[in-house]
Amino acid sequence: LRRAGLSDAIDVVLSTDVVRSFKPSPRAYQLGVDALQL
């Protein structure tokens, strides 16, 4: 994002690394739900 000049364009940047899994695991998609509180 920094190299593309888009660091400020995204509100929340989430890596599935946090849940030690990958999409399409439900735990990966849950990251956005939790972070955005939606």
Full PDB file with SEQRES, HELIX, SHEET, SSBOND, CRYST1, ORIGX, SCALE, CONECT and MASTER records, all heavy atoms in Angstrom:
SEQRES   1 A   38  LEU ARG ARG ALA GLY LEU SER ASP ALA ILE ASP VAL VAL          
SEQRES   2 A   38  LEU SER THR ASP VAL VAL ARG SER PHE LYS PRO SER PRO          
SEQRES   3 A   38  ARG ALA TYR GLN LEU GLY VAL ASP ALA LEU GLN LEU              
HELIX    1 AA1 THR A   16  VAL A   19  5                                   4    
HELIX    2 AA2 PRO A   26  LEU A   36  1                                  11    
CRYST1    1.000    1.000    1.000  90.00  90.00  90.00 P 1           1          
ORIGX1      1.000000  0.000000  0.000000        0.00000                         
ORIGX2      0.000000  1.000000  0.000000        0.00000                         
ORIGX3      0.000000  0.000000  1.000000        0.00000                         
SCALE1      1.000000  0.000000  0.000000        0.00000                         
SCALE2      0.000000  1.000000  0.000000        0.00000                         
SCALE3      0.000000  0.000000  1.000000        0.00000                         
ATOM      1  N   LEU A   1       0.824  -1.210   0.000  1.00  0.00           N  
ATOM      2  CA  LEU A   1       0.000   0.000   0.000  1.00  0.00           C  
ATOM      3  C   LEU A   1       0.859   1.262   0.000  1.00  0.00           C  
ATOM      4  O   LEU A   1       0.550   2.236  -0.692  1.00  0.00           O  
ATOM      5  CB  LEU A   1      -0.948   0.000   1.196  1.00  0.00           C  
ATOM      6  CG  LEU A   1      -2.092  -1.007   1.125  1.00  0.00           C  
ATOM      7  CD1 LEU A   1      -2.803  -1.112   2.470  1.00  0.00           C  
ATOM      8  CD2 LEU A   1      -3.087  -0.621   0.028  1.00  0.00           C  
ATOM      9  N   ARG A   2       1.951   1.232   0.764  1.00  0.00           N  
ATOM     10  CA  ARG A   2       2.860   2.384   0.806  1.00  0.00           C  
ATOM     11  C   ARG A   2       3.465   2.633  -0.577  1.00  0.00           C  
ATOM     12  O   ARG A   2       3.463   3.753  -1.082  1.00  0.00           O  
ATOM     13  CB  ARG A   2       3.964   2.147   1.837  1.00  0.00           C  
ATOM     14  CG  ARG A   2       4.930   3.335   1.973  1.00  0.00           C  
ATOM     15  CD  ARG A   2       6.167   2.971   2.774  1.00  0.00           C  
ATOM     16  NE  ARG A   2       6.849   1.778   2.310  1.00  0.00           N  
ATOM     17  CZ  ARG A   2       7.603   1.692   1.207  1.00  0.00           C  
ATOM     18  NH1 ARG A   2       7.749   2.741   0.416  1.00  0.00           N  
ATOM     19  NH2 ARG A   2       8.190   0.563   0.872  1.00  0.00           N  
ATOM     20  N   ARG A   3       3.973   1.578  -1.218  1.00  0.00           N  
ATOM     21  CA  ARG A   3       4.595   1.730  -2.542  1.00  0.00           C  
ATOM     22  C   ARG A   3       3.594   2.235  -3.583  1.00  0.00           C  
ATOM     23  O   ARG A   3       3.954   2.982  -4.484  1.00  0.00           O  
ATOM     24  CB  ARG A   3       5.206   0.404  -3.016  1.00  0.00           C  
ATOM     25  CG  ARG A   3       6.538   0.090  -2.384  1.00  0.00           C  
ATOM     26  CD  ARG A   3       7.197  -1.174  -2.936  1.00  0.00           C  
ATOM     27  NE  ARG A   3       6.444  -2.380  -2.634  1.00  0.00           N  
ATOM     28  CZ  ARG A   3       5.603  -2.996  -3.466  1.00  0.00           C  
ATOM     29  NH1 ARG A   3       5.429  -2.554  -4.685  1.00  0.00           N  
ATOM     30  NH2 ARG A   3       4.946  -4.079  -3.089  1.00  0.00           N  
ATOM     31  N   ALA A   4       2.328   1.826  -3.442  1.00  0.00           N  
ATOM     32  CA  ALA A   4       1.292   2.249  -4.393  1.00  0.00           C  
ATOM     33  C   ALA A   4       0.723   3.626  -4.062  1.00  0.00           C  
ATOM     34  O   ALA A   4      -0.098   4.153  -4.801  1.00  0.00           O  
ATOM     35  CB  ALA A   4       0.169   1.221  -4.417  1.00  0.00           C  
ATOM     36  N   GLY A   5       1.145   4.201  -2.930  1.00  0.00           N  
ATOM     37  CA  GLY A   5       0.616   5.494  -2.514  1.00  0.00           C  
ATOM     38  C   GLY A   5      -0.820   5.402  -2.015  1.00  0.00           C  
ATOM     39  O   GLY A   5      -1.573   6.374  -2.098  1.00  0.00           O  
ATOM     40  N   LEU A   6      -1.194   4.239  -1.490  1.00  0.00           N  
ATOM     41  CA  LEU A   6      -2.573   4.018  -1.062  1.00  0.00           C  
ATOM     42  C   LEU A   6      -2.725   3.771   0.433  1.00  0.00           C  
ATOM     43  O   LEU A   6      -3.778   3.329   0.885  1.00  0.00           O  
ATOM     44  CB  LEU A   6      -3.167   2.835  -1.836  1.00  0.00           C  
ATOM     45  CG  LEU A   6      -3.283   3.017  -3.348  1.00  0.00           C  
ATOM     46  CD1 LEU A   6      -3.718   1.720  -4.016  1.00  0.00           C  
ATOM     47  CD2 LEU A   6      -4.244   4.154  -3.671  1.00  0.00           C  
ATOM     48  N   SER A   7      -1.703   4.052   1.201  1.00  0.00           N  
ATOM     49  CA  SER A   7      -1.767   3.794   2.645  1.00  0.00           C  
ATOM     50  C   SER A   7      -2.949   4.484   3.310  1.00  0.00           C  
ATOM     51  O   SER A   7      -3.569   3.924   4.222  1.00  0.00           O  
ATOM     52  CB  SER A   7      -0.467   4.221   3.326  1.00  0.00           C  
ATOM     53  OG  SER A   7       0.600   3.439   2.869  1.00  0.00           O  
ATOM     54  N   ASP A   8      -3.272   5.674   2.868  1.00  0.00           N  
ATOM     55  CA  ASP A   8      -4.378   6.421   3.478  1.00  0.00           C  
ATOM     56  C   ASP A   8      -5.731   6.116   2.838  1.00  0.00           C  
ATOM     57  O   ASP A   8      -6.749   6.639   3.290  1.00  0.00           O  
ATOM     58  CB  ASP A   8      -4.105   7.924   3.397  1.00  0.00           C  
ATOM     59  CG  ASP A   8      -2.905   8.337   4.238  1.00  0.00           C  
ATOM     60  OD1 ASP A   8      -2.619   7.637   5.234  1.00  0.00           O  
ATOM     61  OD2 ASP A   8      -2.257   9.340   3.898  1.00  0.00           O  
ATOM     62  N   ALA A   9      -5.751   5.284   1.800  1.00  0.00           N  
ATOM     63  CA  ALA A   9      -6.993   5.004   1.085  1.00  0.00           C  
ATOM     64  C   ALA A   9      -7.829   3.925   1.755  1.00  0.00           C  
ATOM     65  O   ALA A   9      -9.020   3.802   1.491  1.00  0.00           O  
ATOM     66  CB  ALA A   9      -6.689   4.581  -0.353  1.00  0.00           C  
ATOM     67  N   ILE A  10      -7.215   3.156   2.630  1.00  0.00           N  
ATOM     68  CA  ILE A  10      -7.882   2.020   3.267  1.00  0.00           C  
ATOM     69  C   ILE A  10      -7.992   2.283   4.763  1.00  0.00           C  
ATOM     70  O   ILE A  10      -7.009   2.609   5.417  1.00  0.00           O  
ATOM     71  CB  ILE A  10      -7.097   0.712   3.018  1.00  0.00           C  
ATOM     72  CG1 ILE A  10      -6.839   0.483   1.526  1.00  0.00           C  
ATOM     73  CG2 ILE A  10      -7.806  -0.479   3.650  1.00  0.00           C  
ATOM     74  CD1 ILE A  10      -8.064   0.237   0.696  1.00  0.00           C  
ATOM     75  N   ASP A  11      -9.187   2.094   5.310  1.00  0.00           N  
ATOM     76  CA  ASP A  11      -9.408   2.327   6.741  1.00  0.00           C  
ATOM     77  C   ASP A  11      -8.794   1.234   7.606  1.00  0.00           C  
ATOM     78  O   ASP A  11      -8.186   1.519   8.637  1.00  0.00           O  
ATOM     79  CB  ASP A  11     -10.912   2.413   7.035  1.00  0.00           C  
ATOM     80  CG  ASP A  11     -11.564   3.575   6.327  1.00  0.00           C  
ATOM     81  OD1 ASP A  11     -11.172   4.724   6.612  1.00  0.00           O  
ATOM     82  OD2 ASP A  11     -12.442   3.334   5.477  1.00  0.00           O  
ATOM     83  N   VAL A  12      -8.993  -0.015   7.214  1.00  0.00           N  
ATOM     84  CA  VAL A  12      -8.539  -1.147   8.018  1.00  0.00           C  
ATOM     85  C   VAL A  12      -7.880  -2.168   7.095  1.00  0.00           C  
ATOM     86  O   VAL A  12      -8.501  -2.610   6.125  1.00  0.00           O  
ATOM     87  CB  VAL A  12      -9.720  -1.808   8.769  1.00  0.00           C  
ATOM     88  CG1 VAL A  12      -9.238  -2.979   9.609  1.00  0.00           C  
ATOM     89  CG2 VAL A  12     -10.461  -0.796   9.632  1.00  0.00           C  
ATOM     90  N   VAL A  13      -6.646  -2.523   7.407  1.00  0.00           N  
ATOM     91  CA  VAL A  13      -5.892  -3.513   6.622  1.00  0.00           C  
ATOM     92  C   VAL A  13      -5.661  -4.722   7.513  1.00  0.00           C  
ATOM     93  O   VAL A  13      -4.993  -4.637   8.541  1.00  0.00           O  
ATOM     94  CB  VAL A  13      -4.547  -2.930   6.131  1.00  0.00           C  
ATOM     95  CG1 VAL A  13      -3.774  -3.964   5.326  1.00  0.00           C  
ATOM     96  CG2 VAL A  13      -4.780  -1.660   5.313  1.00  0.00           C  
ATOM     97  N   LEU A  14      -6.232  -5.859   7.102  1.00  0.00           N  
ATOM     98  CA  LEU A  14      -6.203  -7.067   7.929  1.00  0.00           C  
ATOM     99  C   LEU A  14      -5.509  -8.220   7.213  1.00  0.00           C  
ATOM    100  O   LEU A  14      -5.831  -8.524   6.059  1.00  0.00           O  
ATOM    101  CB  LEU A  14      -7.633  -7.487   8.279  1.00  0.00           C  
ATOM    102  CG  LEU A  14      -8.466  -6.442   9.000  1.00  0.00           C  
ATOM    103  CD1 LEU A  14      -9.942  -6.821   8.955  1.00  0.00           C  
ATOM    104  CD2 LEU A  14      -7.985  -6.302  10.433  1.00  0.00           C  
ATOM    105  N   SER A  15      -4.622  -8.865   7.929  1.00  0.00           N  
ATOM    106  CA  SER A  15      -3.956 -10.063   7.425  1.00  0.00           C  
ATOM    107  C   SER A  15      -4.509 -11.285   8.142  1.00  0.00           C  
ATOM    108  O   SER A  15      -4.649 -11.295   9.371  1.00  0.00           O  
ATOM    109  CB  SER A  15      -2.449  -9.970   7.677  1.00  0.00           C  
ATOM    110  OG  SER A  15      -1.846 -11.230   7.468  1.00  0.00           O  
ATOM    111  N   THR A  16      -4.779 -12.332   7.387  1.00  0.00           N  
ATOM    112  CA  THR A  16      -5.244 -13.581   7.987  1.00  0.00           C  
ATOM    113  C   THR A  16      -4.160 -14.213   8.851  1.00  0.00           C  
ATOM    114  O   THR A  16      -4.441 -15.147   9.607  1.00  0.00           O  
ATOM    115  CB  THR A  16      -5.702 -14.587   6.917  1.00  0.00           C  
ATOM    116  OG1 THR A  16      -4.610 -14.877   6.046  1.00  0.00           O  
ATOM    117  CG2 THR A  16      -6.881 -14.037   6.127  1.00  0.00           C  
ATOM    118  N   ASP A  17      -2.971 -13.685   8.758  1.00  0.00           N  
ATOM    119  CA  ASP A  17      -1.855 -14.115   9.613  1.00  0.00           C  
ATOM    120  C   ASP A  17      -2.261 -14.058  11.099  1.00  0.00           C  
ATOM    121  O   ASP A  17      -1.841 -14.886  11.888  1.00  0.00           O  
ATOM    122  CB  ASP A  17      -0.674 -13.164   9.365  1.00  0.00           C  
ATOM    123  CG  ASP A  17       0.674 -13.820   9.480  1.00  0.00           C  
ATOM    124  OD1 ASP A  17       0.795 -15.024   9.193  1.00  0.00           O  
ATOM    125  OD2 ASP A  17       1.620 -13.112   9.858  1.00  0.00           O  
ATOM    126  N   VAL A  18      -3.104 -13.085  11.446  1.00  0.00           N  
ATOM    127  CA  VAL A  18      -3.541 -12.877  12.825  1.00  0.00           C  
ATOM    128  C   VAL A  18      -4.276 -14.106  13.377  1.00  0.00           C  
ATOM    129  O   VAL A  18      -4.120 -14.456  14.543  1.00  0.00           O  
ATOM    130  CB  VAL A  18      -4.448 -11.626  12.930  1.00  0.00           C  
ATOM    131  CG1 VAL A  18      -5.061 -11.476  14.298  1.00  0.00           C  
ATOM    132  CG2 VAL A  18      -3.681 -10.387  12.558  1.00  0.00           C  
ATOM    133  N   VAL A  19      -5.063 -14.752  12.511  1.00  0.00           N  
ATOM    134  CA  VAL A  19      -5.809 -15.939  12.954  1.00  0.00           C  
ATOM    135  C   VAL A  19      -5.097 -17.231  12.550  1.00  0.00           C  
ATOM    136  O   VAL A  19      -5.634 -18.320  12.744  1.00  0.00           O  
ATOM    137  CB  VAL A  19      -7.272 -15.934  12.431  1.00  0.00           C  
ATOM    138  CG1 VAL A  19      -8.060 -14.806  13.083  1.00  0.00           C  
ATOM    139  CG2 VAL A  19      -7.335 -15.883  10.922  1.00  0.00           C  
ATOM    140  N   ARG A  20      -3.905 -17.101  11.978  1.00  0.00           N  
ATOM    141  CA  ARG A  20      -3.086 -18.245  11.580  1.00  0.00           C  
ATOM    142  C   ARG A  20      -3.870 -19.221  10.710  1.00  0.00           C  
ATOM    143  O   ARG A  20      -3.885 -20.423  10.919  1.00  0.00           O  
ATOM    144  CB  ARG A  20      -2.479 -18.924  12.798  1.00  0.00           C  
ATOM    145  CG  ARG A  20      -1.590 -17.964  13.595  1.00  0.00           C  
ATOM    146  CD  ARG A  20      -0.873 -18.585  14.744  1.00  0.00           C  
ATOM    147  NE  ARG A  20       0.009 -19.683  14.418  1.00  0.00           N  
ATOM    148  CZ  ARG A  20       1.212 -19.606  13.825  1.00  0.00           C  
ATOM    149  NH1 ARG A  20       1.672 -18.422  13.492  1.00  0.00           N  
ATOM    150  NH2 ARG A  20       1.927 -20.672  13.591  1.00  0.00           N  
ATOM    151  N   SER A  21      -4.530 -18.630   9.707  1.00  0.00           N  
ATOM    152  CA  SER A  21      -5.291 -19.404   8.745  1.00  0.00           C  
ATOM    153  C   SER A  21      -5.341 -18.615   7.446  1.00  0.00           C  
ATOM    154  O   SER A  21      -4.662 -17.599   7.309  1.00  0.00           O  
ATOM    155  CB  SER A  21      -6.697 -19.697   9.279  1.00  0.00           C  
ATOM    156  OG  SER A  21      -7.327 -20.670   8.487  1.00  0.00           O  
ATOM    157  N   PHE A  22      -6.129 -19.078   6.515  1.00  0.00           N  
ATOM    158  CA  PHE A  22      -6.258 -18.414   5.223  1.00  0.00           C  
ATOM    159  C   PHE A  22      -7.717 -18.400   4.800  1.00  0.00           C  
ATOM    160  O   PHE A  22      -8.504 -19.260   5.197  1.00  0.00           O  
ATOM    161  CB  PHE A  22      -5.459 -19.174   4.146  1.00  0.00           C  
ATOM    162  CG  PHE A  22      -3.974 -19.151   4.366  1.00  0.00           C  
ATOM    163  CD1 PHE A  22      -3.317 -20.254   4.893  1.00  0.00           C  
ATOM    164  CD2 PHE A  22      -3.219 -18.033   4.034  1.00  0.00           C  
ATOM    165  CE1 PHE A  22      -1.939 -20.245   5.083  1.00  0.00           C  
ATOM    166  CE2 PHE A  22      -1.848 -18.015   4.227  1.00  0.00           C  
ATOM    167  CZ  PHE A  22      -1.205 -19.124   4.753  1.00  0.00           C  
ATOM    168  N   LYS A  23      -8.067 -17.422   3.961  1.00  0.00           N  
ATOM    169  CA  LYS A  23      -9.364 -17.478   3.303  1.00  0.00           C  
ATOM    170  C   LYS A  23      -9.354 -18.737   2.439  1.00  0.00           C  
ATOM    171  O   LYS A  23      -8.316 -19.054   1.880  1.00  0.00           O  
ATOM    172  CB  LYS A  23      -9.593 -16.251   2.430  1.00  0.00           C  
ATOM    173  CG  LYS A  23      -9.675 -14.950   3.202  1.00  0.00           C  
ATOM    174  CD  LYS A  23      -9.927 -13.758   2.304  1.00  0.00           C  
ATOM    175  CE  LYS A  23      -8.744 -13.485   1.407  1.00  0.00           C  
ATOM    176  NZ  LYS A  23      -8.944 -12.380   0.488  1.00  0.00           N  
ATOM    177  N   PRO A  24     -10.429 -19.478   2.379  1.00  0.00           N  
ATOM    178  CA  PRO A  24     -11.794 -19.166   2.740  1.00  0.00           C  
ATOM    179  C   PRO A  24     -12.234 -19.654   4.120  1.00  0.00           C  
ATOM    180  O   PRO A  24     -13.427 -19.873   4.337  1.00  0.00           O  
ATOM    181  CB  PRO A  24     -12.603 -19.859   1.646  1.00  0.00           C  
ATOM    182  CG  PRO A  24     -11.821 -21.088   1.350  1.00  0.00           C  
ATOM    183  CD  PRO A  24     -10.375 -20.670   1.504  1.00  0.00           C  
ATOM    184  N   SER A  25     -11.336 -19.791   5.050  1.00  0.00           N  
ATOM    185  CA  SER A  25     -11.740 -20.150   6.408  1.00  0.00           C  
ATOM    186  C   SER A  25     -12.676 -19.073   6.965  1.00  0.00           C  
ATOM    187  O   SER A  25     -12.398 -17.876   6.829  1.00  0.00           O  
ATOM    188  CB  SER A  25     -10.513 -20.260   7.316  1.00  0.00           C  
ATOM    189  OG  SER A  25     -10.897 -20.292   8.671  1.00  0.00           O  
ATOM    190  N   PRO A  26     -13.770 -19.462   7.595  1.00  0.00           N  
ATOM    191  CA  PRO A  26     -14.653 -18.472   8.217  1.00  0.00           C  
ATOM    192  C   PRO A  26     -13.909 -17.565   9.200  1.00  0.00           C  
ATOM    193  O   PRO A  26     -14.258 -16.394   9.346  1.00  0.00           O  
ATOM    194  CB  PRO A  26     -15.706 -19.320   8.931  1.00  0.00           C  
ATOM    195  CG  PRO A  26     -15.728 -20.606   8.164  1.00  0.00           C  
ATOM    196  CD  PRO A  26     -14.305 -20.831   7.722  1.00  0.00           C  
ATOM    197  N   ARG A  27     -12.857 -18.083   9.838  1.00  0.00           N  
ATOM    198  CA  ARG A  27     -12.086 -17.244  10.773  1.00  0.00           C  
ATOM    199  C   ARG A  27     -11.449 -16.067  10.047  1.00  0.00           C  
ATOM    200  O   ARG A  27     -11.297 -14.985  10.616  1.00  0.00           O  
ATOM    201  CB  ARG A  27     -11.009 -18.071  11.470  1.00  0.00           C  
ATOM    202  CG  ARG A  27     -11.578 -19.088  12.428  1.00  0.00           C  
ATOM    203  CD  ARG A  27     -10.517 -19.795  13.214  1.00  0.00           C  
ATOM    204  NE  ARG A  27      -9.465 -20.307  12.358  1.00  0.00           N  
ATOM    205  CZ  ARG A  27      -8.250 -20.629  12.758  1.00  0.00           C  
ATOM    206  NH1 ARG A  27      -7.901 -20.491  14.015  1.00  0.00           N  
ATOM    207  NH2 ARG A  27      -7.357 -21.099  11.928  1.00  0.00           N  
ATOM    208  N   ALA A  28     -11.073 -16.258   8.794  1.00  0.00           N  
ATOM    209  CA  ALA A  28     -10.472 -15.173   8.013  1.00  0.00           C  
ATOM    210  C   ALA A  28     -11.504 -14.084   7.719  1.00  0.00           C  
ATOM    211  O   ALA A  28     -11.244 -12.892   7.911  1.00  0.00           O  
ATOM    212  CB  ALA A  28      -9.884 -15.724   6.720  1.00  0.00           C  
ATOM    213  N   TYR A  29     -12.693 -14.479   7.276  1.00  0.00           N  
ATOM    214  CA  TYR A  29     -13.728 -13.492   6.968  1.00  0.00           C  
ATOM    215  C   TYR A  29     -14.251 -12.807   8.233  1.00  0.00           C  
ATOM    216  O   TYR A  29     -14.657 -11.649   8.188  1.00  0.00           O  
ATOM    217  CB  TYR A  29     -14.881 -14.150   6.198  1.00  0.00           C  
ATOM    218  CG  TYR A  29     -14.445 -14.718   4.867  1.00  0.00           C  
ATOM    219  CD1 TYR A  29     -14.487 -16.076   4.621  1.00  0.00           C  
ATOM    220  CD2 TYR A  29     -13.980 -13.886   3.853  1.00  0.00           C  
ATOM    221  CE1 TYR A  29     -14.085 -16.606   3.404  1.00  0.00           C  
ATOM    222  CE2 TYR A  29     -13.563 -14.396   2.638  1.00  0.00           C  
ATOM    223  CZ  TYR A  29     -13.620 -15.762   2.420  1.00  0.00           C  
ATOM    224  OH  TYR A  29     -13.211 -16.269   1.219  1.00  0.00           O  
ATOM    225  N   GLN A  30     -14.208 -13.500   9.340  1.00  0.00           N  
ATOM    226  CA  GLN A  30     -14.660 -12.924  10.614  1.00  0.00           C  
ATOM    227  C   GLN A  30     -13.791 -11.733  11.023  1.00  0.00           C  
ATOM    228  O   GLN A  30     -14.247 -10.850  11.751  1.00  0.00           O  
ATOM    229  CB  GLN A  30     -14.661 -13.999  11.708  1.00  0.00           C  
ATOM    230  CG  GLN A  30     -15.239 -13.547  13.036  1.00  0.00           C  
ATOM    231  CD  GLN A  30     -16.723 -13.230  12.971  1.00  0.00           C  
ATOM    232  OE1 GLN A  30     -17.495 -13.894  12.280  1.00  0.00           O  
ATOM    233  NE2 GLN A  30     -17.142 -12.205  13.690  1.00  0.00           N  
ATOM    234  N   LEU A  31     -12.550 -11.693  10.552  1.00  0.00           N  
ATOM    235  CA  LEU A  31     -11.654 -10.573  10.872  1.00  0.00           C  
ATOM    236  C   LEU A  31     -12.300  -9.233  10.523  1.00  0.00           C  
ATOM    237  O   LEU A  31     -12.251  -8.287  11.310  1.00  0.00           O  
ATOM    238  CB  LEU A  31     -10.324 -10.699  10.124  1.00  0.00           C  
ATOM    239  CG  LEU A  31      -9.343 -11.715  10.634  1.00  0.00           C  
ATOM    240  CD1 LEU A  31      -8.208 -11.922   9.622  1.00  0.00           C  
ATOM    241  CD2 LEU A  31      -8.788 -11.270  11.978  1.00  0.00           C  
ATOM    242  N   GLY A  32     -12.893  -9.143   9.340  1.00  0.00           N  
ATOM    243  CA  GLY A  32     -13.519  -7.894   8.922  1.00  0.00           C  
ATOM    244  C   GLY A  32     -14.725  -7.542   9.760  1.00  0.00           C  
ATOM    245  O   GLY A  32     -14.934  -6.375  10.111  1.00  0.00           O  
ATOM    246  N   VAL A  33     -15.525  -8.543  10.082  1.00  0.00           N  
ATOM    247  CA  VAL A  33     -16.704  -8.331  10.926  1.00  0.00           C  
ATOM    248  C   VAL A  33     -16.279  -7.752  12.267  1.00  0.00           C  
ATOM    249  O   VAL A  33     -16.846  -6.766  12.743  1.00  0.00           O  
ATOM    250  CB  VAL A  33     -17.482  -9.663  11.112  1.00  0.00           C  
ATOM    251  CG1 VAL A  33     -18.584  -9.509  12.150  1.00  0.00           C  
ATOM    252  CG2 VAL A  33     -18.036 -10.145   9.778  1.00  0.00           C  
ATOM    253  N   ASP A  34     -15.269  -8.359  12.875  1.00  0.00           N  
ATOM    254  CA  ASP A  34     -14.799  -7.904  14.186  1.00  0.00           C  
ATOM    255  C   ASP A  34     -14.169  -6.517  14.121  1.00  0.00           C  
ATOM    256  O   ASP A  34     -14.439  -5.667  14.967  1.00  0.00           O  
ATOM    257  CB  ASP A  34     -13.789  -8.907  14.764  1.00  0.00           C  
ATOM    258  CG  ASP A  34     -14.426 -10.252  15.093  1.00  0.00           C  
ATOM    259  OD1 ASP A  34     -15.670 -10.343  15.193  1.00  0.00           O  
ATOM    260  OD2 ASP A  34     -13.663 -11.229  15.233  1.00  0.00           O  
ATOM    261  N   ALA A  35     -13.338  -6.281  13.116  1.00  0.00           N  
ATOM    262  CA  ALA A  35     -12.639  -5.000  13.016  1.00  0.00           C  
ATOM    263  C   ALA A  35     -13.580  -3.842  12.715  1.00  0.00           C  
ATOM    264  O   ALA A  35     -13.428  -2.746  13.258  1.00  0.00           O  
ATOM    265  CB  ALA A  35     -11.551  -5.071  11.950  1.00  0.00           C  
ATOM    266  N   LEU A  36     -14.548  -4.079  11.850  1.00  0.00           N  
ATOM    267  CA  LEU A  36     -15.471  -3.015  11.455  1.00  0.00           C  
ATOM    268  C   LEU A  36     -16.678  -2.909  12.385  1.00  0.00           C  
ATOM    269  O   LEU A  36     -17.439  -1.953  12.297  1.00  0.00           O  
ATOM    270  CB  LEU A  36     -15.941  -3.242  10.013  1.00  0.00           C  
ATOM    271  CG  LEU A  36     -14.839  -3.208   8.956  1.00  0.00           C  
ATOM    272  CD1 LEU A  36     -15.382  -3.639   7.602  1.00  0.00           C  
ATOM    273  CD2 LEU A  36     -14.203  -1.834   8.876  1.00  0.00           C  
ATOM    274  N   GLN A  37     -16.851  -3.912  13.227  1.00  0.00           N  
ATOM    275  CA  GLN A  37     -17.981  -3.964  14.156  1.00  0.00           C  
ATOM    276  C   GLN A  37     -19.311  -3.823  13.413  1.00  0.00           C  
ATOM    277  O   GLN A  37     -20.182  -3.041  13.795  1.00  0.00           O  
ATOM    278  CB  GLN A  37     -17.830  -2.925  15.268  1.00  0.00           C  
ATOM    279  CG  GLN A  37     -16.597  -3.172  16.107  1.00  0.00           C  
ATOM    280  CD  GLN A  37     -16.461  -2.186  17.242  1.00  0.00           C  
ATOM    281  OE1 GLN A  37     -17.187  -1.218  17.365  1.00  0.00           O  
ATOM    282  NE2 GLN A  37     -15.501  -2.461  18.101  1.00  0.00           N  
ATOM    283  N   LEU A  38     -19.413  -4.611  12.351  1.00  0.00           N  
ATOM    284  CA  LEU A  38     -20.622  -4.676  11.549  1.00  0.00           C  
ATOM    285  C   LEU A  38     -21.053  -6.135  11.443  1.00  0.00           C  
ATOM    286  O   LEU A  38     -20.247  -7.041  11.653  1.00  0.00           O  
ATOM    287  CB  LEU A  38     -20.359  -4.132  10.142  1.00  0.00           C  
ATOM    288  CG  LEU A  38     -19.995  -2.657  10.023  1.00  0.00           C  
ATOM    289  CD1 LEU A  38     -19.507  -2.337   8.615  1.00  0.00           C  
ATOM    290  CD2 LEU A  38     -21.194  -1.787  10.385  1.00  0.00           C  
TER     291      LEU A  38                                                      
MASTER        0    0    0    2    0    0    0    6  290    1    0    3          
END                                                                             
